[in-house]
């Protein structure tokens, strides 16, 4: 007869505490990050859509003017050139992307995919718009890129549409 300790339980056998706060904290650790990134990207997308100056090819505060201003100091000028072929279309694409990423992240729907989208948006902005920021830690796009990576890796295990879908699949598998 083999004796051992169950590892599939949330009961702490060391101190007998049935409500192990560390397990709970670990499960919910990414929720504040999801809320922050979700709201931030939703706000950024809405802000772009509602700013008539931004959604213009030319003029002060326009996406076109901003891209022309960073073209020669970006890490990948050809990426900026691509955006400059249709700056308004690029502005709408970024705004739609930010909205989709923000909504997916906030509600935890296709979280890893949404986080990957957020990471790619942040990466493209870091390599273009904030590349010349000195010192580098003043540019926020690199910090956003790093903030997305835990969500790309872990997804949303609690308080999310993804968790509800997983739970339903699990229950459906029990009855099959």
Protein backbone atom coordinates (compact mmCIF):
# COMPACT_ATOMS: atom_id res chain seq x y z
CA UNK A 1 0.00 0.00 0.00
CA UNK A 2 1.34 3.39 -1.02
CA UNK A 3 0.74 6.38 1.19
CA UNK A 4 1.03 9.92 -0.07
CA UNK A 5 -0.39 13.36 -0.18
CA UNK A 6 -3.03 14.42 -2.69
CA UNK A 7 -1.76 17.12 -5.01
CA UNK A 8 -5.06 17.88 -6.71
CA UNK A 9 -6.55 19.59 -3.69
CA UNK A 10 -6.47 23.21 -2.58
CA UNK A 11 -6.13 22.24 1.08
CA UNK A 12 -2.86 23.23 2.67
CA UNK A 13 -1.55 20.24 4.60
CA UNK A 14 1.32 22.22 6.09
CA UNK A 15 -0.64 24.52 8.35
CA UNK A 16 -4.14 23.08 8.06
CA UNK A 17 -5.54 26.35 6.65
CA UNK A 18 -8.35 25.42 4.25
CA UNK A 19 -8.46 28.88 2.63
CA UNK A 20 -4.97 29.20 1.30
CA UNK A 21 -4.78 32.85 0.32
CA UNK A 22 -1.66 32.28 -1.77
CA UNK A 23 -3.48 29.95 -4.15
CA UNK A 24 -6.30 32.47 -4.47
CA UNK A 25 -3.89 35.36 -5.02
CA UNK A 26 -2.06 33.34 -7.67
CA UNK A 27 -5.28 32.50 -9.51
CA UNK A 28 -6.39 36.15 -9.55
CA UNK A 29 -2.96 37.74 -10.09
CA UNK A 30 -3.52 38.68 -13.74
CA UNK A 31 -7.00 40.16 -13.26
CA UNK A 32 -5.73 43.69 -12.37
CA UNK A 33 -3.45 43.59 -15.41
CA UNK A 34 -6.37 42.54 -17.63
CA UNK A 35 -8.54 45.35 -16.25
CA UNK A 36 -5.82 47.96 -16.73
CA UNK A 37 -4.83 46.89 -20.25
CA UNK A 38 -8.43 46.29 -21.30
CA UNK A 39 -9.69 49.71 -20.21
CA UNK A 40 -6.57 51.45 -21.49
CA UNK A 41 -6.84 49.98 -24.98
CA UNK A 42 -10.60 50.53 -25.16
CA UNK A 43 -10.04 54.16 -24.17
CA UNK A 44 -7.21 54.54 -26.70
CA UNK A 45 -9.38 53.16 -29.51
CA UNK A 46 -12.37 55.35 -28.63
CA UNK A 47 -10.09 58.38 -28.25
CA UNK A 48 -8.74 57.88 -31.76
CA UNK A 49 -12.22 57.43 -33.26
CA UNK A 50 -13.57 60.56 -31.60
CA UNK A 51 -10.60 62.81 -32.35
CA UNK A 52 -11.30 64.32 -35.76
CA UNK A 53 -7.83 65.85 -35.90
CA UNK A 54 -6.20 62.46 -35.39
CA UNK A 55 -8.12 60.72 -38.18
CA UNK A 56 -6.67 63.00 -40.85
CA UNK A 57 -3.84 62.60 -43.31
CA UNK A 58 -2.49 66.09 -42.63
CA UNK A 59 -2.66 68.79 -39.99
CA UNK A 60 -1.68 69.29 -36.40
CA UNK A 61 -2.40 66.21 -34.28
CA UNK A 62 -3.14 64.00 -37.29
CA UNK A 63 -1.98 60.42 -37.69
CA UNK A 64 -0.30 61.41 -40.95
CA UNK A 65 1.64 64.25 -39.35
CA UNK A 66 2.68 62.06 -36.44
CA UNK A 67 3.94 59.31 -38.77
CA UNK A 68 5.86 61.79 -40.91
CA UNK A 69 7.42 63.18 -37.73
CA UNK A 70 8.75 59.81 -36.56
CA UNK A 71 9.67 58.34 -39.93
CA UNK A 72 13.37 59.21 -39.88
CA UNK A 73 13.95 58.26 -36.23
CA UNK A 74 12.03 54.98 -36.15
CA UNK A 75 13.69 51.57 -35.99
CA UNK A 76 11.80 50.43 -39.10
CA UNK A 77 11.19 53.40 -41.45
CA UNK A 78 9.65 51.07 -44.05
CA UNK A 79 6.87 50.25 -41.57
CA UNK A 80 6.15 53.97 -41.25
CA UNK A 81 6.25 54.31 -45.06
CA UNK A 82 3.63 51.57 -45.28
CA UNK A 83 1.39 53.46 -42.85
CA UNK A 84 1.94 56.71 -44.78
CA UNK A 85 0.48 55.18 -47.95
CA UNK A 86 -2.91 55.51 -46.27
CA UNK A 87 -2.53 57.22 -42.89
CA UNK A 88 -6.27 57.49 -42.25
CA UNK A 89 -6.79 53.80 -43.00
CA UNK A 90 -3.87 52.98 -40.73
CA UNK A 91 -5.39 55.16 -37.99
CA UNK A 92 -8.72 53.33 -38.27
CA UNK A 93 -6.94 49.94 -38.26
CA UNK A 94 -5.04 50.84 -35.09
CA UNK A 95 -8.19 52.19 -33.41
CA UNK A 96 -10.22 49.08 -34.34
CA UNK A 97 -7.36 46.85 -33.21
CA UNK A 98 -7.13 48.64 -29.88
CA UNK A 99 -10.88 48.31 -29.34
CA UNK A 100 -10.91 44.60 -30.19
CA UNK A 101 -7.86 43.91 -28.04
CA UNK A 102 -9.26 45.93 -25.14
CA UNK A 103 -12.69 44.28 -25.21
CA UNK A 104 -11.22 40.78 -25.56
CA UNK A 105 -8.79 41.40 -22.71
CA UNK A 106 -11.28 43.05 -20.36
CA UNK A 107 -13.89 40.32 -20.77
CA UNK A 108 -11.36 37.52 -21.09
CA UNK A 109 -12.59 36.39 -24.50
CA UNK A 110 -9.92 34.77 -26.67
CA UNK A 111 -7.56 36.33 -24.17
CA UNK A 112 -4.30 34.93 -25.51
CA UNK A 113 -5.18 36.06 -29.03
CA UNK A 114 -6.25 39.50 -27.78
CA UNK A 115 -3.05 39.82 -25.75
CA UNK A 116 -0.99 38.80 -28.78
CA UNK A 117 -2.76 41.54 -30.75
CA UNK A 118 -2.02 44.03 -27.97
CA UNK A 119 1.62 42.95 -27.89
CA UNK A 120 1.91 43.38 -31.67
CA UNK A 121 0.32 46.84 -31.53
CA UNK A 122 2.66 47.84 -28.71
CA UNK A 123 5.66 46.38 -30.55
CA UNK A 124 4.82 48.26 -33.75
CA UNK A 125 4.34 51.51 -31.83
CA UNK A 126 7.61 50.99 -29.93
CA UNK A 127 9.54 50.34 -33.16
CA UNK A 128 8.06 53.41 -34.83
CA UNK A 129 6.54 56.12 -32.65
CA UNK A 130 8.48 55.77 -29.38
CA UNK A 131 11.73 54.27 -30.68
CA UNK A 132 13.67 57.54 -30.40
CA UNK A 133 12.53 58.26 -26.84
CA UNK A 134 15.54 58.70 -24.59
CA UNK A 135 16.12 57.25 -22.17
CA UNK A 136 14.20 54.22 -23.44
CA UNK A 137 12.20 53.80 -20.22
CA UNK A 138 10.38 57.09 -20.85
CA UNK A 139 8.63 55.47 -23.80
CA UNK A 140 5.56 53.61 -22.61
CA UNK A 141 5.12 51.28 -25.60
CA UNK A 142 7.94 48.99 -24.47
CA UNK A 143 6.37 48.71 -21.00
CA UNK A 144 3.00 47.88 -22.58
CA UNK A 145 4.67 45.22 -24.73
CA UNK A 146 6.13 43.61 -21.60
CA UNK A 147 2.76 43.88 -19.80
CA UNK A 148 1.04 41.93 -22.58
CA UNK A 149 3.42 38.97 -22.41
CA UNK A 150 2.05 37.37 -19.19
CA UNK A 151 -1.43 37.39 -20.73
CA UNK A 152 -0.10 35.89 -23.97
CA UNK A 153 1.45 33.08 -21.93
CA UNK A 154 -1.24 32.49 -19.29
CA UNK A 155 -4.51 33.74 -20.75
CA UNK A 156 -7.41 34.44 -18.41
CA UNK A 157 -8.10 31.57 -16.04
CA UNK A 158 -10.70 33.32 -13.85
CA UNK A 159 -13.44 35.93 -14.24
CA UNK A 160 -13.47 35.51 -18.00
CA UNK A 161 -15.52 34.26 -20.90
CA UNK A 162 -12.66 31.86 -21.62
CA UNK A 163 -13.07 30.29 -18.14
CA UNK A 164 -16.82 29.89 -18.65
CA UNK A 165 -16.24 28.19 -22.02
CA UNK A 166 -13.62 25.87 -20.48
CA UNK A 167 -15.98 24.96 -17.63
CA UNK A 168 -18.82 24.18 -20.06
CA UNK A 169 -16.53 22.03 -22.20
CA UNK A 170 -15.41 20.20 -19.08
CA UNK A 171 -18.99 19.51 -18.00
CA UNK A 172 -19.95 18.44 -21.52
CA UNK A 173 -16.99 16.05 -21.59
CA UNK A 174 -18.21 14.41 -18.36
CA UNK A 175 -21.52 13.48 -19.94
CA UNK A 176 -20.17 12.26 -23.26
